[in-house]
Amino acid sequence: MEIEEKLRIANEGGSFDEETSSWIGKLVKKGEKMGKIIRDQNGRFRILTVGFDDNTKEDIILNNIGADNKSVHQYEWLSKDKWYRF
């Protein structure tokens, strides 16, 4: 999908499965729960779906337009050997 099409979809409030800079496969934890990103949707918001080891799923909703002060960032992701909060 071309960038122009992605921008059109986002501007209309829709979303699309991210391909070029996907988070799919990244390790995520929420407290003691461990999982991986299994779906990455982008648009006005970035919605990362985490599949946890206990077979539960949760969405992490990230604001693509500035800081999201309403969110409680309970999740962390692993980069190399260090965990970072969303």
Protein backbone atom coordinates (compact mmCIF):
# COMPACT_ATOMS: atom_id res chain seq x y z
CA MET A 1 0.00 0.00 0.00
CA GLU A 2 1.35 3.40 -0.97
CA ILE A 3 1.89 6.17 1.59
CA GLU A 4 -0.79 8.33 -0.02
CA GLU A 5 -3.37 5.59 0.49
CA LYS A 6 -2.29 5.14 4.13
CA LEU A 7 -2.61 8.89 4.74
CA ARG A 8 -6.07 8.96 3.15
CA ILE A 9 -7.25 6.08 5.34
CA ALA A 10 -5.83 7.69 8.50
CA ASN A 11 -7.34 11.08 7.65
CA GLU A 12 -10.74 9.42 7.25
CA GLY A 13 -10.39 7.86 10.71
CA GLY A 14 -9.72 4.34 9.46
CA SER A 15 -6.84 1.96 10.02
CA PHE A 16 -4.71 -0.49 8.07
CA ASP A 17 -2.39 -3.36 8.92
CA GLU A 18 1.12 -1.94 9.15
CA GLU A 19 3.69 -3.59 6.94
CA THR A 20 6.81 -1.43 6.60
CA SER A 21 7.49 -0.58 10.25
CA SER A 22 5.51 -3.28 11.99
CA TRP A 23 5.79 -4.13 15.69
CA ILE A 24 4.71 -7.73 15.03
CA GLY A 25 6.86 -10.19 16.95
CA LYS A 26 8.17 -7.67 19.53
CA LEU A 27 8.19 -8.94 23.11
CA VAL A 28 5.84 -7.15 25.49
CA LYS A 29 5.13 -7.49 29.19
CA LYS A 30 2.41 -6.23 31.49
CA GLY A 31 3.55 -6.78 35.03
CA GLU A 32 4.50 -10.46 35.11
CA LYS A 33 2.52 -11.38 31.96
CA MET A 34 4.67 -11.93 28.87
CA GLY A 35 3.59 -11.88 25.25
CA LYS A 36 4.27 -10.76 21.69
CA ILE A 37 2.68 -8.29 19.32
CA ILE A 38 0.46 -10.34 16.97
CA ARG A 39 -1.28 -7.52 15.08
CA ASP A 40 -0.26 -3.97 14.24
CA GLN A 41 -2.92 -1.59 12.95
CA ASN A 42 -2.05 1.98 12.09
CA GLY A 43 -4.11 5.05 11.29
CA ARG A 44 -5.21 7.93 13.47
CA PHE A 45 -4.22 5.65 16.39
CA ARG A 46 -1.73 2.79 16.50
CA ILE A 47 -3.39 -0.34 17.87
CA LEU A 48 -1.00 -3.12 18.86
CA THR A 49 -2.63 -6.43 19.76
CA VAL A 50 -0.65 -8.47 22.28
CA GLY A 51 -1.03 -12.23 22.53
CA PHE A 52 0.05 -13.27 26.01
CA ASP A 53 1.47 -16.65 27.05
CA ASP A 54 -1.76 -17.40 28.98
CA ASN A 55 -3.71 -17.20 25.65
CA THR A 56 -5.31 -13.83 26.47
CA LYS A 57 -5.16 -10.85 24.10
CA GLU A 58 -5.12 -7.13 24.84
CA ASP A 59 -4.90 -4.02 22.68
CA ILE A 60 -2.41 -1.25 23.35
CA ILE A 61 -3.76 1.98 21.85
CA LEU A 62 -1.11 4.59 21.08
CA ASN A 63 -1.93 8.15 20.04
CA ASN A 64 -0.18 9.00 16.76
CA ILE A 65 -0.82 12.73 17.18
CA GLY A 66 1.00 13.97 20.27
CA ALA A 67 1.17 12.75 23.84
CA ASP A 68 -1.69 10.74 25.27
CA ASN A 69 -1.91 11.83 28.90
CA LYS A 70 -5.11 9.81 29.51
CA SER A 71 -3.45 6.44 28.98
CA VAL A 72 -2.04 4.41 31.81
CA HIS A 73 1.06 2.88 30.32
CA GLN A 74 1.15 -0.52 31.96
CA TYR A 75 3.04 -2.18 29.12
CA GLU A 76 6.74 -2.47 28.37
CA TRP A 77 8.51 -3.65 25.22
CA LEU A 78 11.94 -5.20 24.86
CA SER A 79 14.65 -3.63 22.73
CA LYS A 80 17.93 -5.52 22.77
CA ASP A 81 18.37 -6.23 26.51
CA LYS A 82 16.36 -3.34 27.99
CA TRP A 83 12.63 -2.90 28.72
CA TYR A 84 10.94 0.41 27.81
CA ARG A 85 7.50 1.72 28.78
CA PHE A 86 5.10 2.71 26.04
